[in-house]
Amino acid sequence: MDALIRRIEQIGNPVVAGLDPMLEYIPEHVKADAFAQLGNSPEAAAAAVLTYNKALIDALADVVPAVKPQSAYYERFGWQGMRALAETIRYAKAKGLYVIMDAKRNDIGSTMSAYAAAHLGTVDVNGTVYTPFGADALTVNGYLGSDCVLPCLETGKDIFVLCKTSNPSSGELQDLQREGVPLYAAMGDWCERWGANSIGAYGYSNAGAVVGATYPAQLAELRKRLPHTFFLVPGYGAQGGAAADIAGAFDDNGRGAIINSSRAILCAWKTANTPPEDFALAARKEAVAMGRAINNELHTQLYTGIL
């Protein structure tokens, strides 16, 4: 997590751009080129996604510290989409970006070890070692218990465990209480335990938590409760979260969280009525504007950079 925090401070922007590409988000000229070459096929869709992603990464690499591809948007195009995902990750890392794989994996220990190797680690094929995806972090559903979490931490990479998610019905289960403690808070306490042996130079461990911007009171509550747990905060922008809602995610030093925006960045060219050819520039402007709004809300000089 130290590497992520250092990059946030170098860039001056605590924003992660979610790479969740729907075909309707992609300008027609990008899709037309792919379909002309490959027909109306999963190969063409995946090729359009990859071209779109690379242009976004080129435009964003010096204004955001990280990107977060959501695996489902690639899986739906089959193996062709998964290849585009792998190539997106490689391209982003080559540009110096920290990559969070948003796959929310969970399963029994042996299966989770396979997920950990796939997304964060390496595999050995007859004595030759390969890196399948090579993300820096993985989102994890910890509600199966420790054996679905520890294999990921054993890779030495970072995880973000679902605690209080941004979706409207999250409270149906996550707000249930046992002895006065909500389930989401209990999960946060486990993040503190799981990360206890990996606390870095900034005071945060490798076991982060997902806490939604759409629940600002719980976000501030968990920040106080979990001093060593770094937050990935979804729900900003299209889901309704704003800069004022996420201020409680940060510690007194202005650290402790990275704020995700997907649709607002990906579709900025549409909402701003920008020419389709300038879609990547529009995404860059949105990411910078979001960073400025957050920094203004935090009233901190920590994030200077290009902002």
Foldseek 3Di string as FASTA:
>chain_A
DVLLQVLCLQLLFLAAEELQDDPVLADPVLLVVLCVVPNPALLSVLSSSLVLLLLLLVLCLSNYQAYEYEVVSQCVSPPSSVVSQLVSLVSNVVSVHQYEYEDQDFDAQVVLLVVLCQDDRWDADPNDIDRNRRHQEYEYACPVDDSNPLSNVVRVGAYAYEQAALDPCSCVQQQDDDPRDGNSLVVLVVLCVSFVVAQDPVQAGRYAYEHELNDLVVLLVSCVVRVHHAYEYECPDPNDGALLSNLSCADPQRGRYRYYDYCCLSNQCVVVVNPSVCSSVSSSVSSNVRRVRNCVNNVDPSRDRPD
